[in-house]
Amino acid sequence: MSQENLIKLECTECKRINYYSQKNKKTIKERLELKKYCKHCKKHTLHKETK
């Protein structure tokens, strides 16, 4: 993964960074929000993009 397209996804409940992903920052300007599984909360929660 190239570093300039790399984003971190943080759980909204426990505030831990669980996933790394990439996105095209030229086409998608807003922050990404995905519902993913958090292994610390042990359930599906909303994960938001962080810096």
PDB file of N, CA and C in Angstrom:
ATOM      1  N   MET A   1       0.841  -1.177   0.000  1.00  0.00           N
ATOM      2  CA  MET A   1       0.000   0.000   0.000  1.00  0.00           C
ATOM      3  C   MET A   1       0.887   1.242   0.000  1.00  0.00           C
ATOM      4  N   SER A   2       0.519   2.188  -0.814  1.00  0.00           N
ATOM      5  CA  SER A   2       1.317   3.406  -0.831  1.00  0.00           C
ATOM      6  C   SER A   2       0.918   4.303   0.341  1.00  0.00           C
ATOM      7  N   GLN A   3       1.870   4.999   0.887  1.00  0.00           N
ATOM      8  CA  GLN A   3       1.651   5.755   2.118  1.00  0.00           C
ATOM      9  C   GLN A   3       0.713   6.944   1.935  1.00  0.00           C
ATOM     10  N   GLU A   4       0.712   7.580   0.764  1.00  0.00           N
ATOM     11  CA  GLU A   4      -0.124   8.770   0.606  1.00  0.00           C
ATOM     12  C   GLU A   4      -1.612   8.448   0.511  1.00  0.00           C
ATOM     13  N   ASN A   5      -1.977   7.203   0.183  1.00  0.00           N
ATOM     14  CA  ASN A   5      -3.377   6.807   0.100  1.00  0.00           C
ATOM     15  C   ASN A   5      -3.840   6.021   1.320  1.00  0.00           C
ATOM     16  N   LEU A   6      -2.967   5.824   2.272  1.00  0.00           N
ATOM     17  CA  LEU A   6      -3.278   5.006   3.437  1.00  0.00           C
ATOM     18  C   LEU A   6      -4.108   5.787   4.456  1.00  0.00           C
ATOM     19  N   ILE A   7      -5.187   5.159   4.942  1.00  0.00           N
ATOM     20  CA  ILE A   7      -6.021   5.774   5.971  1.00  0.00           C
ATOM     21  C   ILE A   7      -6.189   4.802   7.126  1.00  0.00           C
ATOM     22  N   LYS A   8      -6.485   5.337   8.313  1.00  0.00           N
ATOM     23  CA  LYS A   8      -6.730   4.517   9.497  1.00  0.00           C
ATOM     24  C   LYS A   8      -8.207   4.584   9.830  1.00  0.00           C
ATOM     25  N   LEU A   9      -8.773   3.446  10.225  1.00  0.00           N
ATOM     26  CA  LEU A   9     -10.173   3.400  10.632  1.00  0.00           C
ATOM     27  C   LEU A   9     -10.233   3.130  12.130  1.00  0.00           C
ATOM     28  N   GLU A  10     -10.900   4.026  12.846  1.00  0.00           N
ATOM     29  CA  GLU A  10     -10.959   3.969  14.301  1.00  0.00           C
ATOM     30  C   GLU A  10     -12.384   3.656  14.753  1.00  0.00           C
ATOM     31  N   CYS A  11     -12.512   2.778  15.717  1.00  0.00           N
ATOM     32  CA  CYS A  11     -13.815   2.426  16.287  1.00  0.00           C
ATOM     33  C   CYS A  11     -14.389   3.631  17.030  1.00  0.00           C
ATOM     34  N   THR A  12     -15.671   3.909  16.845  1.00  0.00           N
ATOM     35  CA  THR A  12     -16.291   5.062  17.499  1.00  0.00           C
ATOM     36  C   THR A  12     -16.610   4.784  18.959  1.00  0.00           C
ATOM     37  N   GLU A  13     -16.674   3.524  19.346  1.00  0.00           N
ATOM     38  CA  GLU A  13     -17.012   3.192  20.735  1.00  0.00           C
ATOM     39  C   GLU A  13     -15.779   3.088  21.633  1.00  0.00           C
ATOM     40  N   CYS A  14     -14.788   2.301  21.227  1.00  0.00           N
ATOM     41  CA  CYS A  14     -13.606   2.122  22.081  1.00  0.00           C
ATOM     42  C   CYS A  14     -12.419   3.000  21.666  1.00  0.00           C
ATOM     43  N   LYS A  15     -12.522   3.694  20.524  1.00  0.00           N
ATOM     44  CA  LYS A  15     -11.493   4.638  20.036  1.00  0.00           C
ATOM     45  C   LYS A  15     -10.159   3.974  19.705  1.00  0.00           C
ATOM     46  N   ARG A  16     -10.199   2.711  19.323  1.00  0.00           N
ATOM     47  CA  ARG A  16      -8.971   2.017  18.928  1.00  0.00           C
ATOM     48  C   ARG A  16      -8.899   1.900  17.420  1.00  0.00           C
ATOM     49  N   ILE A  17      -7.689   1.954  16.886  1.00  0.00           N
ATOM     50  CA  ILE A  17      -7.487   1.822  15.446  1.00  0.00           C
ATOM     51  C   ILE A  17      -7.394   0.341  15.119  1.00  0.00           C
ATOM     52  N   ASN A  18      -8.365  -0.151  14.354  1.00  0.00           N
ATOM     53  CA  ASN A  18      -8.455  -1.569  14.066  1.00  0.00           C
ATOM     54  C   ASN A  18      -8.123  -1.926  12.627  1.00  0.00           C
ATOM     55  N   TYR A  19      -8.327  -1.002  11.708  1.00  0.00           N
ATOM     56  CA  TYR A  19      -8.161  -1.298  10.294  1.00  0.00           C
ATOM     57  C   TYR A  19      -7.361  -0.209   9.600  1.00  0.00           C
ATOM     58  N   TYR A  20      -6.643  -0.631   8.560  1.00  0.00           N
ATOM     59  CA  TYR A  20      -5.957   0.279   7.650  1.00  0.00           C
ATOM     60  C   TYR A  20      -6.504   0.000   6.271  1.00  0.00           C
ATOM     61  N   SER A  21      -6.741   1.053   5.518  1.00  0.00           N
ATOM     62  CA  SER A  21      -7.303   0.899   4.185  1.00  0.00           C
ATOM     63  C   SER A  21      -6.719   1.993   3.302  1.00  0.00           C
ATOM     64  N   GLN A  22      -7.130   2.027   2.052  1.00  0.00           N
ATOM     65  CA  GLN A  22      -6.704   3.093   1.175  1.00  0.00           C
ATOM     66  C   GLN A  22      -7.886   3.663   0.423  1.00  0.00           C
ATOM     67  N   LYS A  23      -7.746   4.923   0.048  1.00  0.00           N
ATOM     68  CA  LYS A  23      -8.786   5.567  -0.737  1.00  0.00           C
ATOM     69  C   LYS A  23      -8.138   6.575  -1.674  1.00  0.00           C
ATOM     70  N   ASN A  24      -8.860   6.897  -2.731  1.00  0.00           N
ATOM     71  CA  ASN A  24      -8.404   7.902  -3.671  1.00  0.00           C
ATOM     72  C   ASN A  24      -8.835   9.260  -3.132  1.00  0.00           C
ATOM     73  N   LYS A  25      -7.886  10.042  -2.646  1.00  0.00           N
ATOM     74  CA  LYS A  25      -8.202  11.314  -1.996  1.00  0.00           C
ATOM     75  C   LYS A  25      -8.591  12.407  -2.986  1.00  0.00           C
ATOM     76  N   LYS A  26      -8.323  12.187  -4.267  1.00  0.00           N
ATOM     77  CA  LYS A  26      -8.715  13.170  -5.274  1.00  0.00           C
ATOM     78  C   LYS A  26     -10.202  13.075  -5.604  1.00  0.00           C
ATOM     79  N   THR A  27     -10.750  11.875  -5.559  1.00  0.00           N
ATOM     80  CA  THR A  27     -12.161  11.703  -5.909  1.00  0.00           C
ATOM     81  C   THR A  27     -13.075  11.713  -4.688  1.00  0.00           C
ATOM     82  N   ILE A  28     -12.589  11.237  -3.541  1.00  0.00           N
ATOM     83  CA  ILE A  28     -13.394  11.180  -2.316  1.00  0.00           C
ATOM     84  C   ILE A  28     -12.812  12.180  -1.322  1.00  0.00           C
ATOM     85  N   LYS A  29     -13.506  13.306  -1.133  1.00  0.00           N
ATOM     86  CA  LYS A  29     -12.998  14.369  -0.260  1.00  0.00           C
ATOM     87  C   LYS A  29     -13.423  14.180   1.193  1.00  0.00           C
ATOM     88  N   GLU A  30     -14.640  13.667   1.424  1.00  0.00           N
ATOM     89  CA  GLU A  30     -15.133  13.526   2.798  1.00  0.00           C
ATOM     90  C   GLU A  30     -14.509  12.304   3.474  1.00  0.00           C
ATOM     91  N   ARG A  31     -14.639  12.271   4.783  1.00  0.00           N
ATOM     92  CA  ARG A  31     -14.073  11.160   5.559  1.00  0.00           C
ATOM     93  C   ARG A  31     -14.925   9.909   5.413  1.00  0.00           C
ATOM     94  N   LEU A  32     -14.254   8.786   5.387  1.00  0.00           N
ATOM     95  CA  LEU A  32     -14.910   7.499   5.195  1.00  0.00           C
ATOM     96  C   LEU A  32     -15.498   6.999   6.515  1.00  0.00           C
ATOM     97  N   GLU A  33     -16.711   6.408   6.433  1.00  0.00           N
ATOM     98  CA  GLU A  33     -17.354   5.791   7.589  1.00  0.00           C
ATOM     99  C   GLU A  33     -17.876   4.429   7.170  1.00  0.00           C
ATOM    100  N   LEU A  34     -17.405   3.389   7.849  1.00  0.00           N
ATOM    101  CA  LEU A  34     -17.798   2.025   7.521  1.00  0.00           C
ATOM    102  C   LEU A  34     -18.213   1.287   8.783  1.00  0.00           C
ATOM    103  N   LYS A  35     -19.152   0.372   8.629  1.00  0.00           N
ATOM    104  CA  LYS A  35     -19.548  -0.471   9.744  1.00  0.00           C
ATOM    105  C   LYS A  35     -18.734  -1.761   9.646  1.00  0.00           C
ATOM    106  N   LYS A  36     -17.824  -1.946  10.619  1.00  0.00           N
ATOM    107  CA  LYS A  36     -16.928  -3.094  10.600  1.00  0.00           C
ATOM    108  C   LYS A  36     -16.883  -3.737  11.977  1.00  0.00           C
ATOM    109  N   TYR A  37     -16.316  -4.938  12.019  1.00  0.00           N
ATOM    110  CA  TYR A  37     -16.230  -5.684  13.276  1.00  0.00           C
ATOM    111  C   TYR A  37     -15.053  -5.177  14.104  1.00  0.00           C
ATOM    112  N   CYS A  38     -15.321  -4.902  15.371  1.00  0.00           N
ATOM    113  CA  CYS A  38     -14.275  -4.496  16.312  1.00  0.00           C
ATOM    114  C   CYS A  38     -13.977  -5.685  17.221  1.00  0.00           C
ATOM    115  N   LYS A  39     -12.735  -6.127  17.227  1.00  0.00           N
ATOM    116  CA  LYS A  39     -12.375  -7.296  18.042  1.00  0.00           C
ATOM    117  C   LYS A  39     -12.297  -6.960  19.526  1.00  0.00           C
ATOM    118  N   HIS A  40     -12.178  -5.675  19.863  1.00  0.00           N
ATOM    119  CA  HIS A  40     -12.125  -5.277  21.265  1.00  0.00           C
ATOM    120  C   HIS A  40     -13.524  -5.166  21.864  1.00  0.00           C
ATOM    121  N   CYS A  41     -14.467  -4.631  21.083  1.00  0.00           N
ATOM    122  CA  CYS A  41     -15.865  -4.531  21.530  1.00  0.00           C
ATOM    123  C   CYS A  41     -16.628  -5.837  21.295  1.00  0.00           C
ATOM    124  N   LYS A  42     -16.103  -6.667  20.410  1.00  0.00           N
ATOM    125  CA  LYS A  42     -16.702  -7.947  20.022  1.00  0.00           C
ATOM    126  C   LYS A  42     -18.083  -7.783  19.391  1.00  0.00           C
ATOM    127  N   LYS A  43     -18.206  -6.742  18.547  1.00  0.00           N
ATOM    128  CA  LYS A  43     -19.448  -6.523  17.796  1.00  0.00           C
ATOM    129  C   LYS A  43     -19.167  -5.590  16.624  1.00  0.00           C
ATOM    130  N   HIS A  44     -20.150  -5.462  15.738  1.00  0.00           N
ATOM    131  CA  HIS A  44     -20.027  -4.560  14.601  1.00  0.00           C
ATOM    132  C   HIS A  44     -20.328  -3.137  15.055  1.00  0.00           C
ATOM    133  N   THR A  45     -19.385  -2.239  14.779  1.00  0.00           N
ATOM    134  CA  THR A  45     -19.546  -0.841  15.160  1.00  0.00           C
ATOM    135  C   THR A  45     -19.167   0.044  13.986  1.00  0.00           C
ATOM    136  N   LEU A  46     -19.492   1.309  14.096  1.00  0.00           N
ATOM    137  CA  LEU A  46     -19.125   2.281  13.069  1.00  0.00           C
ATOM    138  C   LEU A  46     -17.661   2.650  13.242  1.00  0.00           C
ATOM    139  N   HIS A  47     -16.917   2.585  12.148  1.00  0.00           N
ATOM    140  CA  HIS A  47     -15.501   2.952  12.142  1.00  0.00           C
ATOM    141  C   HIS A  47     -15.331   4.184  11.253  1.00  0.00           C
ATOM    142  N   LYS A  48     -14.666   5.196  11.791  1.00  0.00           N
ATOM    143  CA  LYS A  48     -14.459   6.442  11.054  1.00  0.00           C
ATOM    144  C   LYS A  48     -12.994   6.619  10.709  1.00  0.00           C
ATOM    145  N   GLU A  49     -12.769   7.314   9.632  1.00  0.00           N
ATOM    146  CA  GLU A  49     -11.417   7.600   9.186  1.00  0.00           C
ATOM    147  C   GLU A  49     -10.756   8.626  10.099  1.00  0.00           C
ATOM    148  N   THR A  50      -9.501   8.373  10.460  1.00  0.00           N
ATOM    149  CA  THR A  50      -8.730   9.315  11.263  1.00  0.00           C
ATOM    150  C   THR A  50      -7.529   9.786  10.464  1.00  0.00           C
ATOM    151  N   LYS A  51      -6.811  10.755  11.010  1.00  0.00           N
ATOM    152  CA  LYS A  51      -5.633  11.270  10.319  1.00  0.00           C
ATOM    153  C   LYS A  51      -4.460  10.344  10.481  1.00  0.00           C
TER     154      LYS A  51
END
